[in-house]
Amino acid sequence: MFSASDYGMFVKYLIMYGIGFILGSYGGLFSESAGIINIALEGSMVFGAFAGLVFLQGMASWCAGTFLVTTMGGLVITYLLAAIVAVLFGLIFSFLLSWVSIKLKADQTIVGTALNTLAVAACTIVNTAVTGKDSPETANNIFTSVLQINTGNRFIDTAFSGLNISVLIGLIAIIVLWLVMNKMRFGLRLRACGENPAAADSVGINVTRMRYYGTAIGSCSAALAGFVIFSCMPLGTWQINALGYGFLVLAIEIFGNWKATNIIFCSIFFAFFFAFAPTFTAAIFSNFELAGIRDTLFGQKAFYYLLPYFIALLTLVIFSKKSRAPKAEGIPYDKSTR
């Protein structure tokens, strides 16, 4: 029923979405564990993806004909630099949220929503200036031909062609962030600032600084997530938006109950459905047509693309009452009230 290429493409999407969703969810985890609601994850993903892709376009022009853009080894360096650029822009973007939320004590939900709009608008304007075209889309498959793998095995060639070093960087980042949150004193202090900032302050923890750190790490993680997903996705041209993934990872974070390990499994769960839709639906449709149910809901391709979002909504409805967010999340901290 399914070919080796179908299974290979499924694995490719599973890797891409799995790592991207984990990093995006960790973006919310680190911010909110420190006490800052990060609705701006969508904007961070857009900023990271756009910065990285524009850098790649620049490298294609500046280094045309050199080993950096014509060999697999050179592209490892190029994509590594692009991932660093994406993270740096995520860091810059984080201060827009943290400064307004911490220094000005503004409503964090409203600020995050505004920043999501700002990110898309700013990237679209810059894209127009860079490309000279008044269009909200940019190329994301610049080095596709070089990233092709030809082993003769259809499964391996399909599964790993088009992936780049950002996937490995993302995997390493996940391990490091998990260790930081669960095994290091920094993670304990960060969670203390989100649970009881007054108590954390009383033992000498600088709550304001930790909240800046948490928001910065979270935004950088989400920016890398955006770059991983949209630099590996075989779109050809990328519409400058995160397709709602920034809000989906918030749902995954809530589903995972703000636990680093739970978030990994929840992300893989949702990545499975996102990988399933573009890979196996064609084969399924042919069988549905034979079964005479092509015109039913289960025979519509759109249903399988909608399924992950519907499951996200369903899980929030079911598990939201049992979820336990950091107690001081979204509450500005005033040291004078301690």
C-alpha atoms as a PDB file:
ATOM      1  CA  MET A   1       0.000   0.000   0.000  1.00  0.00           C
ATOM      2  CA  PHE A   2       2.793   2.445   0.922  1.00  0.00           C
ATOM      3  CA  SER A   3       6.149   2.713  -0.864  1.00  0.00           C
ATOM      4  CA  ALA A   4       9.619   3.113   0.644  1.00  0.00           C
ATOM      5  CA  SER A   5       9.541   6.751  -0.476  1.00  0.00           C
ATOM      6  CA  ASP A   6       6.330   7.317   1.485  1.00  0.00           C
ATOM      7  CA  TYR A   7       7.899   5.944   4.652  1.00  0.00           C
ATOM      8  CA  GLY A   8      11.061   7.948   4.005  1.00  0.00           C
ATOM      9  CA  MET A   9       9.138  11.191   3.564  1.00  0.00           C
ATOM     10  CA  PHE A  10       7.198  10.425   6.744  1.00  0.00           C
ATOM     11  CA  VAL A  11      10.446  10.037   8.697  1.00  0.00           C
ATOM     12  CA  LYS A  12      11.787  13.294   7.231  1.00  0.00           C
ATOM     13  CA  TYR A  13       8.704  15.244   8.311  1.00  0.00           C
ATOM     14  CA  LEU A  14       8.692  13.510  11.693  1.00  0.00           C
ATOM     15  CA  ILE A  15      12.287  14.589  12.340  1.00  0.00           C
ATOM     16  CA  MET A  16      11.678  18.114  11.094  1.00  0.00           C
ATOM     17  CA  TYR A  17       8.443  18.723  12.993  1.00  0.00           C
ATOM     18  CA  GLY A  18       9.491  16.762  16.074  1.00  0.00           C
ATOM     19  CA  ILE A  19      12.660  18.788  16.669  1.00  0.00           C
ATOM     20  CA  GLY A  20      10.936  22.033  15.698  1.00  0.00           C
ATOM     21  CA  PHE A  21       7.974  21.494  18.020  1.00  0.00           C
ATOM     22  CA  ILE A  22      10.167  20.479  20.957  1.00  0.00           C
ATOM     23  CA  LEU A  23      12.342  23.581  20.551  1.00  0.00           C
ATOM     24  CA  GLY A  24       9.294  25.808  20.131  1.00  0.00           C
ATOM     25  CA  SER A  25       7.629  24.345  23.218  1.00  0.00           C
ATOM     26  CA  TYR A  26      10.843  24.759  25.192  1.00  0.00           C
ATOM     27  CA  GLY A  27      10.693  28.401  24.141  1.00  0.00           C
ATOM     28  CA  GLY A  28       7.442  28.748  26.042  1.00  0.00           C
ATOM     29  CA  LEU A  29       8.667  26.542  28.889  1.00  0.00           C
ATOM     30  CA  PHE A  30      11.713  28.673  29.697  1.00  0.00           C
ATOM     31  CA  SER A  31       9.848  31.960  29.400  1.00  0.00           C
ATOM     32  CA  GLU A  32       6.855  30.908  31.450  1.00  0.00           C
ATOM     33  CA  SER A  33       8.882  29.023  34.048  1.00  0.00           C
ATOM     34  CA  ALA A  34      10.501  32.398  34.765  1.00  0.00           C
ATOM     35  CA  GLY A  35       7.066  34.041  35.021  1.00  0.00           C
ATOM     36  CA  ILE A  36       6.709  35.653  31.570  1.00  0.00           C
ATOM     37  CA  ILE A  37       3.824  34.571  29.322  1.00  0.00           C
ATOM     38  CA  ASN A  38       5.336  34.222  25.865  1.00  0.00           C
ATOM     39  CA  ILE A  39       2.536  34.516  23.327  1.00  0.00           C
ATOM     40  CA  ALA A  40       5.172  35.866  20.919  1.00  0.00           C
ATOM     41  CA  LEU A  41       6.577  32.412  20.090  1.00  0.00           C
ATOM     42  CA  GLU A  42       4.972  32.705  16.665  1.00  0.00           C
ATOM     43  CA  GLY A  43       6.877  35.934  16.082  1.00  0.00           C
ATOM     44  CA  SER A  44      10.132  34.387  17.309  1.00  0.00           C
ATOM     45  CA  MET A  45       9.732  31.506  14.870  1.00  0.00           C
ATOM     46  CA  VAL A  46       9.080  33.930  12.004  1.00  0.00           C
ATOM     47  CA  PHE A  47      12.063  36.103  12.942  1.00  0.00           C
ATOM     48  CA  GLY A  48      14.397  33.122  13.248  1.00  0.00           C
ATOM     49  CA  ALA A  49      13.304  31.473  10.024  1.00  0.00           C
ATOM     50  CA  PHE A  50      13.413  34.704   8.043  1.00  0.00           C
ATOM     51  CA  ALA A  51      16.825  35.792   9.355  1.00  0.00           C
ATOM     52  CA  GLY A  52      18.325  32.385   8.612  1.00  0.00           C
ATOM     53  CA  LEU A  53      16.830  32.138   5.121  1.00  0.00           C
ATOM     54  CA  VAL A  54      17.897  35.669   4.163  1.00  0.00           C
ATOM     55  CA  PHE A  55      21.422  34.843   5.345  1.00  0.00           C
ATOM     56  CA  LEU A  56      21.398  31.725   3.149  1.00  0.00           C
ATOM     57  CA  GLN A  57      20.281  33.799   0.170  1.00  0.00           C
ATOM     58  CA  GLY A  58      23.118  36.212   0.873  1.00  0.00           C
ATOM     59  CA  MET A  59      25.637  33.368   1.047  1.00  0.00           C
ATOM     60  CA  ALA A  60      24.354  32.013  -2.280  1.00  0.00           C
ATOM     61  CA  SER A  61      25.152  35.400  -3.820  1.00  0.00           C
ATOM     62  CA  TRP A  62      28.336  36.362  -1.931  1.00  0.00           C
ATOM     63  CA  CYS A  63      29.982  32.940  -2.112  1.00  0.00           C
ATOM     64  CA  ALA A  64      28.708  31.790  -5.507  1.00  0.00           C
ATOM     65  CA  GLY A  65      30.946  29.099  -6.952  1.00  0.00           C
ATOM     66  CA  THR A  66      32.872  28.462  -3.731  1.00  0.00           C
ATOM     67  CA  PHE A  67      32.880  25.252  -1.704  1.00  0.00           C
ATOM     68  CA  LEU A  68      30.636  26.906   0.913  1.00  0.00           C
ATOM     69  CA  VAL A  69      27.636  26.669  -1.400  1.00  0.00           C
ATOM     70  CA  THR A  70      28.572  23.877  -3.800  1.00  0.00           C
ATOM     71  CA  THR A  71      29.617  21.029  -1.496  1.00  0.00           C
ATOM     72  CA  MET A  72      27.892  19.198   1.330  1.00  0.00           C
ATOM     73  CA  GLY A  73      30.768  19.966   3.703  1.00  0.00           C
ATOM     74  CA  GLY A  74      30.647  23.660   2.862  1.00  0.00           C
ATOM     75  CA  LEU A  75      26.894  23.768   3.406  1.00  0.00           C
ATOM     76  CA  VAL A  76      27.398  22.383   6.897  1.00  0.00           C
ATOM     77  CA  ILE A  77      29.332  25.572   7.711  1.00  0.00           C
ATOM     78  CA  THR A  78      26.850  27.777   5.848  1.00  0.00           C
ATOM     79  CA  TYR A  79      23.782  26.354   7.582  1.00  0.00           C
ATOM     80  CA  LEU A  80      25.587  26.442  10.929  1.00  0.00           C
ATOM     81  CA  LEU A  81      26.200  30.175  10.470  1.00  0.00           C
ATOM     82  CA  ALA A  82      22.587  30.652   9.355  1.00  0.00           C
ATOM     83  CA  ALA A  83      21.346  28.884  12.503  1.00  0.00           C
ATOM     84  CA  ILE A  84      23.527  31.176  14.635  1.00  0.00           C
ATOM     85  CA  VAL A  85      22.076  34.211  12.832  1.00  0.00           C
ATOM     86  CA  ALA A  86      18.550  32.901  13.484  1.00  0.00           C
ATOM     87  CA  VAL A  87      19.287  32.486  17.199  1.00  0.00           C
ATOM     88  CA  LEU A  88      20.834  35.959  17.449  1.00  0.00           C
ATOM     89  CA  PHE A  89      17.776  37.551  15.881  1.00  0.00           C
ATOM     90  CA  GLY A  90      15.612  35.553  18.278  1.00  0.00           C
ATOM     91  CA  LEU A  91      17.674  37.001  21.120  1.00  0.00           C
ATOM     92  CA  ILE A  92      17.140  40.547  19.866  1.00  0.00           C
ATOM     93  CA  PHE A  93      13.420  39.891  19.452  1.00  0.00           C
ATOM     94  CA  SER A  94      13.184  38.582  23.019  1.00  0.00           C
ATOM     95  CA  PHE A  95      14.113  41.937  24.516  1.00  0.00           C
ATOM     96  CA  LEU A  96      11.066  43.566  22.926  1.00  0.00           C
ATOM     97  CA  LEU A  97       8.894  41.278  25.051  1.00  0.00           C
ATOM     98  CA  SER A  98      10.988  41.149  28.211  1.00  0.00           C
ATOM     99  CA  TRP A  99      11.715  44.886  28.429  1.00  0.00           C
ATOM    100  CA  VAL A 100       8.079  45.917  27.980  1.00  0.00           C
ATOM    101  CA  SER A 101       6.805  43.149  30.277  1.00  0.00           C
ATOM    102  CA  ILE A 102       9.404  43.510  33.052  1.00  0.00           C
ATOM    103  CA  LYS A 103      10.430  47.164  32.964  1.00  0.00           C
ATOM    104  CA  LEU A 104       7.094  48.710  31.950  1.00  0.00           C
ATOM    105  CA  LYS A 105       4.970  45.958  33.555  1.00  0.00           C
ATOM    106  CA  ALA A 106       2.658  45.844  30.536  1.00  0.00           C
ATOM    107  CA  ASP A 107       0.087  43.122  29.939  1.00  0.00           C
ATOM    108  CA  GLN A 108       2.184  40.260  28.597  1.00  0.00           C
ATOM    109  CA  THR A 109      -0.563  38.666  26.525  1.00  0.00           C
ATOM    110  CA  ILE A 110      -1.298  41.894  24.676  1.00  0.00           C
ATOM    111  CA  VAL A 111       2.405  42.605  24.148  1.00  0.00           C
ATOM    112  CA  GLY A 112       3.023  39.106  22.776  1.00  0.00           C
ATOM    113  CA  THR A 113       0.074  39.359  20.379  1.00  0.00           C
ATOM    114  CA  ALA A 114       1.322  42.723  19.114  1.00  0.00           C
ATOM    115  CA  LEU A 115       4.837  41.346  18.630  1.00  0.00           C
ATOM    116  CA  ASN A 116       3.525  38.487  16.497  1.00  0.00           C
ATOM    117  CA  THR A 117       2.004  41.029  14.126  1.00  0.00           C
ATOM    118  CA  LEU A 118       5.136  43.172  14.239  1.00  0.00           C
ATOM    119  CA  ALA A 119       7.393  40.233  13.359  1.00  0.00           C
ATOM    120  CA  VAL A 120       5.471  39.327  10.199  1.00  0.00           C
ATOM    121  CA  ALA A 121       5.176  42.975   9.130  1.00  0.00           C
ATOM    122  CA  ALA A 122       8.860  43.761   9.759  1.00  0.00           C
ATOM    123  CA  CYS A 123      10.079  40.662   7.925  1.00  0.00           C
ATOM    124  CA  THR A 124       7.785  41.386   4.974  1.00  0.00           C
ATOM    125  CA  ILE A 125       9.105  44.948   4.699  1.00  0.00           C
ATOM    126  CA  VAL A 126      12.723  43.788   4.883  1.00  0.00           C
ATOM    127  CA  ASN A 127      11.986  41.068   2.325  1.00  0.00           C
ATOM    128  CA  THR A 128      10.608  43.676  -0.070  1.00  0.00           C
ATOM    129  CA  ALA A 129      13.763  45.742   0.379  1.00  0.00           C
ATOM    130  CA  VAL A 130      16.050  42.731  -0.130  1.00  0.00           C
ATOM    131  CA  THR A 131      14.296  41.134  -3.107  1.00  0.00           C
ATOM    132  CA  GLY A 132      12.881  44.270  -4.690  1.00  0.00           C
ATOM    133  CA  LYS A 133       9.518  42.537  -4.993  1.00  0.00           C
ATOM    134  CA  ASP A 134       6.395  43.536  -3.108  1.00  0.00           C
ATOM    135  CA  SER A 135       5.661  39.959  -2.056  1.00  0.00           C
ATOM    136  CA  PRO A 136       5.297  38.250   1.334  1.00  0.00           C
ATOM    137  CA  GLU A 137       7.282  35.181   0.269  1.00  0.00           C
ATOM    138  CA  THR A 138      10.940  34.231   0.060  1.00  0.00           C
ATOM    139  CA  ALA A 139      12.909  31.263  -1.265  1.00  0.00           C
ATOM    140  CA  ASN A 140      13.758  28.452   1.147  1.00  0.00           C
ATOM    141  CA  ASN A 141      15.104  25.750  -1.206  1.00  0.00           C
ATOM    142  CA  ILE A 142      18.247  27.537  -2.366  1.00  0.00           C
ATOM    143  CA  PHE A 143      20.598  24.559  -1.920  1.00  0.00           C
ATOM    144  CA  THR A 144      18.145  21.708  -2.471  1.00  0.00           C
ATOM    145  CA  SER A 145      20.176  20.062  -5.227  1.00  0.00           C
ATOM    146  CA  VAL A 146      23.341  19.969  -3.087  1.00  0.00           C
ATOM    147  CA  LEU A 147      21.465  18.588  -0.087  1.00  0.00           C
ATOM    148  CA  GLN A 148      20.203  15.592  -2.065  1.00  0.00           C
ATOM    149  CA  ILE A 149      21.464  12.197  -0.844  1.00  0.00           C
ATOM    150  CA  ASN A 150      21.906   9.394  -3.374  1.00  0.00           C
ATOM    151  CA  THR A 151      22.620   6.039  -1.760  1.00  0.00           C
ATOM    152  CA  GLY A 152      20.358   4.012  -4.017  1.00  0.00           C
ATOM    153  CA  ASN A 153      18.051   3.230  -1.089  1.00  0.00           C
ATOM    154  CA  ARG A 154      14.748   5.028  -1.691  1.00  0.00           C
ATOM    155  CA  PHE A 155      13.875   5.138   2.000  1.00  0.00           C
ATOM    156  CA  ILE A 156      17.190   6.678   3.099  1.00  0.00           C
ATOM    157  CA  ASP A 157      17.385   9.056   0.133  1.00  0.00           C
ATOM    158  CA  THR A 158      13.876  10.384   0.744  1.00  0.00           C
ATOM    159  CA  ALA A 159      14.187  10.521   4.529  1.00  0.00           C
ATOM    160  CA  PHE A 160      17.391  12.542   4.706  1.00  0.00           C
ATOM    161  CA  SER A 161      17.542  14.550   1.473  1.00  0.00           C
ATOM    162  CA  GLY A 162      16.825  18.210   2.120  1.00  0.00           C
ATOM    163  CA  LEU A 163      17.703  18.066   5.807  1.00  0.00           C
ATOM    164  CA  ASN A 164      20.582  20.242   6.982  1.00  0.00           C
ATOM    165  CA  ILE A 165      22.871  20.683   9.984  1.00  0.00           C
ATOM    166  CA  SER A 166      20.210  22.735  11.794  1.00  0.00           C
ATOM    167  CA  VAL A 167      18.476  19.441  12.622  1.00  0.00           C
ATOM    168  CA  LEU A 168      21.554  18.209  14.489  1.00  0.00           C
ATOM    169  CA  ILE A 169      21.998  21.618  16.150  1.00  0.00           C
ATOM    170  CA  GLY A 170      18.361  21.481  17.229  1.00  0.00           C
ATOM    171  CA  LEU A 171      18.815  17.995  18.686  1.00  0.00           C
ATOM    172  CA  ILE A 172      21.866  19.128  20.673  1.00  0.00           C
ATOM    173  CA  ALA A 173      19.964  22.223  21.849  1.00  0.00           C
ATOM    174  CA  ILE A 174      17.100  20.028  23.092  1.00  0.00           C
ATOM    175  CA  ILE A 175      19.486  17.896  25.149  1.00  0.00           C
ATOM    176  CA  VAL A 176      21.215  20.973  26.596  1.00  0.00           C
ATOM    177  CA  LEU A 177      17.939  22.741  27.426  1.00  0.00           C
ATOM    178  CA  TRP A 178      16.548  19.586  29.062  1.00  0.00           C
ATOM    179  CA  LEU A 179      19.651  19.300  31.236  1.00  0.00           C
ATOM    180  CA  VAL A 180      19.527  22.997  32.129  1.00  0.00           C
ATOM    181  CA  MET A 181      15.894  22.815  33.181  1.00  0.00           C
ATOM    182  CA  ASN A 182      16.000  19.489  35.034  1.00  0.00           C
ATOM    183  CA  LYS A 183      19.555  18.953  36.263  1.00  0.00           C
ATOM    184  CA  MET A 184      21.117  22.365  36.826  1.00  0.00           C
ATOM    185  CA  ARG A 185      20.753  24.975  39.548  1.00  0.00           C
ATOM    186  CA  PHE A 186      19.866  27.572  36.918  1.00  0.00           C
ATOM    187  CA  GLY A 187      16.699  25.653  36.003  1.00  0.00           C
ATOM    188  CA  LEU A 188      15.686  25.393  39.663  1.00  0.00           C
ATOM    189  CA  ARG A 189      16.179  29.140  40.140  1.00  0.00           C
ATOM    190  CA  LEU A 190      14.245  29.866  36.966  1.00  0.00           C
ATOM    191  CA  ARG A 191      11.273  27.812  38.138  1.00  0.00           C
ATOM    192  CA  ALA A 192      11.433  29.470  41.551  1.00  0.00           C
ATOM    193  CA  CYS A 193      11.026  32.866  39.899  1.00  0.00           C
ATOM    194  CA  GLY A 194       7.883  31.653  38.162  1.00  0.00           C
ATOM    195  CA  GLU A 195       6.409  29.916  41.201  1.00  0.00           C
ATOM    196  CA  ASN A 196       7.203  32.316  44.025  1.00  0.00           C
ATOM    197  CA  PRO A 197       9.360  35.282  43.011  1.00  0.00           C
ATOM    198  CA  ALA A 198       9.201  36.863  46.473  1.00  0.00           C
ATOM    199  CA  ALA A 199      10.648  33.719  48.070  1.00  0.00           C
ATOM    200  CA  ALA A 200      13.295  33.500  45.331  1.00  0.00           C
ATOM    201  CA  ASP A 201      14.220  37.125  45.924  1.00  0.00           C
ATOM    202  CA  SER A 202      14.483  36.544  49.665  1.00  0.00           C
ATOM    203  CA  VAL A 203      17.290  33.992  49.139  1.00  0.00           C
ATOM    204  CA  GLY A 204      19.279  36.293  46.864  1.00  0.00           C
ATOM    205  CA  ILE A 205      18.008  35.343  43.398  1.00  0.00           C
ATOM    206  CA  ASN A 206      17.722  38.325  41.076  1.00  0.00           C
ATOM    207  CA  VAL A 207      14.179  37.763  39.795  1.00  0.00           C
ATOM    208  CA  THR A 208      14.331  40.477  37.142  1.00  0.00           C
ATOM    209  CA  ARG A 209      17.565  39.119  35.691  1.00  0.00           C
ATOM    210  CA  MET A 210      16.279  35.549  35.670  1.00  0.00           C
ATOM    211  CA  ARG A 211      13.154  36.627  33.833  1.00  0.00           C
ATOM    212  CA  TYR A 212      15.275  38.334  31.184  1.00  0.00           C
ATOM    213  CA  TYR A 213      17.341  35.150  30.888  1.00  0.00           C
ATOM    214  CA  GLY A 214      14.281  32.897  30.650  1.00  0.00           C
ATOM    215  CA  THR A 215      12.646  35.024  27.970  1.00  0.00           C
ATOM    216  CA  ALA A 216      15.897  35.269  25.995  1.00  0.00           C
ATOM    217  CA  ILE A 217      16.514  31.507  26.066  1.00  0.00           C
ATOM    218  CA  GLY A 218      12.891  30.854  25.162  1.00  0.00           C
ATOM    219  CA  SER A 219      12.888  33.218  22.210  1.00  0.00           C
ATOM    220  CA  CYS A 220      16.212  31.850  20.921  1.00  0.00           C
ATOM    221  CA  SER A 221      14.871  28.302  21.153  1.00  0.00           C
ATOM    222  CA  ALA A 222      11.713  29.243  19.232  1.00  0.00           C
ATOM    223  CA  ALA A 223      13.763  31.113  16.608  1.00  0.00           C
ATOM    224  CA  LEU A 224      15.895  28.020  16.041  1.00  0.00           C
ATOM    225  CA  ALA A 225      12.692  25.962  15.824  1.00  0.00           C
ATOM    226  CA  GLY A 226      11.387  28.210  13.062  1.00  0.00           C
ATOM    227  CA  PHE A 227      14.642  27.928  11.144  1.00  0.00           C
ATOM    228  CA  VAL A 228      14.738  24.125  11.489  1.00  0.00           C
ATOM    229  CA  ILE A 229      11.208  23.692  10.169  1.00  0.00           C
ATOM    230  CA  PHE A 230      11.196  26.189   7.318  1.00  0.00           C
ATOM    231  CA  SER A 231      14.750  25.583   6.097  1.00  0.00           C
ATOM    232  CA  CYS A 232      14.018  21.856   5.776  1.00  0.00           C
ATOM    233  CA  MET A 233      10.470  22.081   4.463  1.00  0.00           C
ATOM    234  CA  PRO A 234      10.319  21.418   0.688  1.00  0.00           C
ATOM    235  CA  LEU A 235       8.172  24.444  -0.101  1.00  0.00           C
ATOM    236  CA  GLY A 236      10.225  26.205  -2.752  1.00  0.00           C
ATOM    237  CA  THR A 237       8.943  29.552  -1.546  1.00  0.00           C
ATOM    238  CA  TRP A 238       7.995  30.295   2.045  1.00  0.00           C
ATOM    239  CA  GLN A 239       5.135  32.614   2.886  1.00  0.00           C
ATOM    240  CA  ILE A 240       6.427  34.779   5.716  1.00  0.00           C
ATOM    241  CA  ASN A 241       4.408  33.394   8.609  1.00  0.00           C
ATOM    242  CA  ALA A 242       4.750  30.494  11.021  1.00  0.00           C
ATOM    243  CA  LEU A 243       1.475  28.808   9.968  1.00  0.00           C
ATOM    244  CA  GLY A 244       0.195  28.922  13.538  1.00  0.00           C
ATOM    245  CA  TYR A 245       2.989  26.680  14.822  1.00  0.00           C
ATOM    246  CA  GLY A 246       3.822  29.245  17.517  1.00  0.00           C
ATOM    247  CA  PHE A 247       0.391  28.784  19.042  1.00  0.00           C
ATOM    248  CA  LEU A 248       0.498  25.028  18.538  1.00  0.00           C
ATOM    249  CA  VAL A 249       3.683  24.744  20.601  1.00  0.00           C
ATOM    250  CA  LEU A 250       1.943  26.683  23.364  1.00  0.00           C
ATOM    251  CA  ALA A 251      -0.751  24.015  23.318  1.00  0.00           C
ATOM    252  CA  ILE A 252       1.944  21.317  23.432  1.00  0.00           C
ATOM    253  CA  GLU A 253       3.534  23.065  26.414  1.00  0.00           C
ATOM    254  CA  ILE A 254       0.215  23.080  28.262  1.00  0.00           C
ATOM    255  CA  PHE A 255      -0.449  19.461  27.248  1.00  0.00           C
ATOM    256  CA  GLY A 256       2.988  18.601  28.648  1.00  0.00           C
ATOM    257  CA  ASN A 257       2.090  20.390  31.888  1.00  0.00           C
ATOM    258  CA  TRP A 258       5.217  22.574  31.803  1.00  0.00           C
ATOM    259  CA  LYS A 259       7.477  19.521  32.202  1.00  0.00           C
ATOM    260  CA  ALA A 260      10.522  19.251  29.922  1.00  0.00           C
ATOM    261  CA  THR A 261      10.278  15.468  29.501  1.00  0.00           C
ATOM    262  CA  ASN A 262       6.518  15.443  28.921  1.00  0.00           C
ATOM    263  CA  ILE A 263       6.893  18.126  26.265  1.00  0.00           C
ATOM    264  CA  ILE A 264       9.223  15.887  24.243  1.00  0.00           C
ATOM    265  CA  PHE A 265       6.666  13.087  24.026  1.00  0.00           C
ATOM    266  CA  CYS A 266       3.779  15.488  23.361  1.00  0.00           C
ATOM    267  CA  SER A 267       5.752  17.149  20.550  1.00  0.00           C
ATOM    268  CA  ILE A 268       6.473  13.802  18.896  1.00  0.00           C
ATOM    269  CA  PHE A 269       2.787  12.927  19.217  1.00  0.00           C
ATOM    270  CA  PHE A 270       1.735  16.045  17.281  1.00  0.00           C
ATOM    271  CA  ALA A 271       4.649  15.723  14.853  1.00  0.00           C
ATOM    272  CA  PHE A 272       3.321  12.265  13.929  1.00  0.00           C
ATOM    273  CA  PHE A 273       0.032  13.736  12.680  1.00  0.00           C
ATOM    274  CA  PHE A 274       1.764  16.596  10.863  1.00  0.00           C
ATOM    275  CA  ALA A 275       4.055  14.079   9.148  1.00  0.00           C
ATOM    276  CA  PHE A 276       1.181  11.765   8.286  1.00  0.00           C
ATOM    277  CA  ALA A 277      -0.920  14.280   6.337  1.00  0.00           C
ATOM    278  CA  PRO A 278       1.479  15.142   3.470  1.00  0.00           C
ATOM    279  CA  THR A 279       2.910  11.628   3.070  1.00  0.00           C
ATOM    280  CA  PHE A 280       0.276   8.910   3.280  1.00  0.00           C
ATOM    281  CA  THR A 281      -2.922  10.676   2.187  1.00  0.00           C
ATOM    282  CA  ALA A 282      -2.440   9.944  -1.541  1.00  0.00           C
ATOM    283  CA  ALA A 283      -2.301   6.193  -0.971  1.00  0.00           C
ATOM    284  CA  ILE A 284      -5.204   6.350   1.447  1.00  0.00           C
ATOM    285  CA  PHE A 285      -7.318   8.288  -1.045  1.00  0.00           C
ATOM    286  CA  SER A 286      -6.910   5.596  -3.688  1.00  0.00           C
ATOM    287  CA  ASN A 287      -8.318   3.007  -1.278  1.00  0.00           C
ATOM    288  CA  PHE A 288     -11.113   5.331  -0.194  1.00  0.00           C
ATOM    289  CA  GLU A 289     -12.109   5.765  -3.795  1.00  0.00           C
ATOM    290  CA  LEU A 290     -12.366   2.017  -4.191  1.00  0.00           C
ATOM    291  CA  ALA A 291     -14.382   1.797  -0.995  1.00  0.00           C
ATOM    292  CA  GLY A 292     -16.836   4.414  -2.256  1.00  0.00           C
ATOM    293  CA  ILE A 293     -16.282   6.865   0.580  1.00  0.00           C
ATOM    294  CA  ARG A 294     -14.160   9.414  -1.285  1.00  0.00           C
ATOM    295  CA  ASP A 295     -16.823  12.100  -0.745  1.00  0.00           C
ATOM    296  CA  THR A 296     -17.078  11.566   3.001  1.00  0.00           C
ATOM    297  CA  LEU A 297     -15.178  13.561   5.613  1.00  0.00           C
ATOM    298  CA  PHE A 298     -12.543  10.832   5.976  1.00  0.00           C
ATOM    299  CA  GLY A 299     -11.893  10.918   2.269  1.00  0.00           C
ATOM    300  CA  GLN A 300     -10.961  14.605   2.227  1.00  0.00           C
ATOM    301  CA  LYS A 301      -7.303  15.610   2.252  1.00  0.00           C
ATOM    302  CA  ALA A 302      -8.102  18.740   4.244  1.00  0.00           C
ATOM    303  CA  PHE A 303      -9.344  16.567   7.114  1.00  0.00           C
ATOM    304  CA  TYR A 304      -5.882  15.115   7.701  1.00  0.00           C
ATOM    305  CA  TYR A 305      -4.271  18.546   7.654  1.00  0.00           C
ATOM    306  CA  LEU A 306      -6.897  19.798  10.112  1.00  0.00           C
ATOM    307  CA  LEU A 307      -6.527  16.779  12.411  1.00  0.00           C
ATOM    308  CA  PRO A 308      -3.446  17.980  14.399  1.00  0.00           C
ATOM    309  CA  TYR A 309      -5.088  21.318  15.175  1.00  0.00           C
ATOM    310  CA  PHE A 310      -8.332  19.625  16.164  1.00  0.00           C
ATOM    311  CA  ILE A 311      -6.417  17.256  18.458  1.00  0.00           C
ATOM    312  CA  ALA A 312      -4.602  20.251  19.976  1.00  0.00           C
ATOM    313  CA  LEU A 313      -7.947  21.897  20.731  1.00  0.00           C
ATOM    314  CA  LEU A 314      -9.348  18.670  22.139  1.00  0.00           C
ATOM    315  CA  THR A 315      -6.365  18.064  24.416  1.00  0.00           C
ATOM    316  CA  LEU A 316      -6.557  21.617  25.756  1.00  0.00           C
ATOM    317  CA  VAL A 317     -10.231  21.150  26.579  1.00  0.00           C
ATOM    318  CA  ILE A 318      -9.588  17.813  28.288  1.00  0.00           C
ATOM    319  CA  PHE A 319      -6.324  18.510  30.104  1.00  0.00           C
ATOM    320  CA  SER A 320      -6.464  22.264  30.799  1.00  0.00           C
ATOM    321  CA  LYS A 321      -8.194  21.753  34.165  1.00  0.00           C
ATOM    322  CA  LYS A 322      -5.449  19.372  35.282  1.00  0.00           C
ATOM    323  CA  SER A 323      -2.564  21.484  34.011  1.00  0.00           C
ATOM    324  CA  ARG A 324      -0.506  23.385  36.536  1.00  0.00           C
ATOM    325  CA  ALA A 325       1.050  26.568  35.210  1.00  0.00           C
ATOM    326  CA  PRO A 326       3.689  28.470  37.222  1.00  0.00           C
ATOM    327  CA  LYS A 327       1.773  30.366  39.916  1.00  0.00           C
ATOM    328  CA  ALA A 328       3.372  33.749  39.220  1.00  0.00           C
ATOM    329  CA  GLU A 329       3.125  33.440  35.442  1.00  0.00           C
ATOM    330  CA  GLY A 330       2.075  36.734  33.863  1.00  0.00           C
ATOM    331  CA  ILE A 331       2.265  38.658  37.140  1.00  0.00           C
ATOM    332  CA  PRO A 332       4.809  41.532  37.107  1.00  0.00           C
ATOM    333  CA  TYR A 333       7.127  41.358  40.101  1.00  0.00           C
ATOM    334  CA  ASP A 334       7.496  44.404  42.301  1.00  0.00           C
ATOM    335  CA  LYS A 335      10.298  44.000  44.804  1.00  0.00           C
ATOM    336  CA  SER A 336       8.806  46.641  47.105  1.00  0.00           C
ATOM    337  CA  THR A 337       5.791  44.418  47.791  1.00  0.00           C
ATOM    338  CA  ARG A 338       7.880  41.583  49.213  1.00  0.00           C
END
